[in-house]
Amino acid sequence: MSLEVFLIPAGIMAVRAAQELHNAKNRQYEQAFESTRIQDQQLLIEGLDALGITEHQVQGELVTAQTQAGEAVFVRESDRYLAQIRNEQEATGALVQQLHSAVGQILQRRNVEKVQAQARTMGMRLMEQRAVDGSVQLVFEEA
């Protein structure tokens, strides 16, 4: 019997083992991070700034920020950012919730500004009324 008969199956087993190890590491990596709904890096940074987290660094698709709970890491994963504060899962969840709220307010403000600009071009004035829950009701009036 030739040595190849033993080496080929051993090579196949080694490749499978390496693939399984890689997949296990990916699953562990994904579990350590919490998914955000944020897709845009600039919006992520604006959201952090709105929360008073102004110490951040950007390296490609990676954003790191210094929080009270520790260093937060944001990694771009396909269509969204994932967040993690190392060994602080509860703090990570709280940060993501606060970030979603801040980003929602930023987007709401941007949309109100767009609608106001459109109202001016139509010769109208836009009255903004804020509810207790933070929602905004817009009313058009003739200028």
Foldseek 3Di string as FASTA:
>chain_A
DDPVVVVVVVVVVVVVVVVVVVVVVVVVVVVQWAWAPAQDPVLLQQLCVLVVFNDWDDDPQWIWTQDPLGIKIWGDDVRTIIIHHPPCVVVNVVVRVSSVVSSVVVVVVVVVVVVQVVLVVVQWGWDWDADPVGDIDIDIGHD
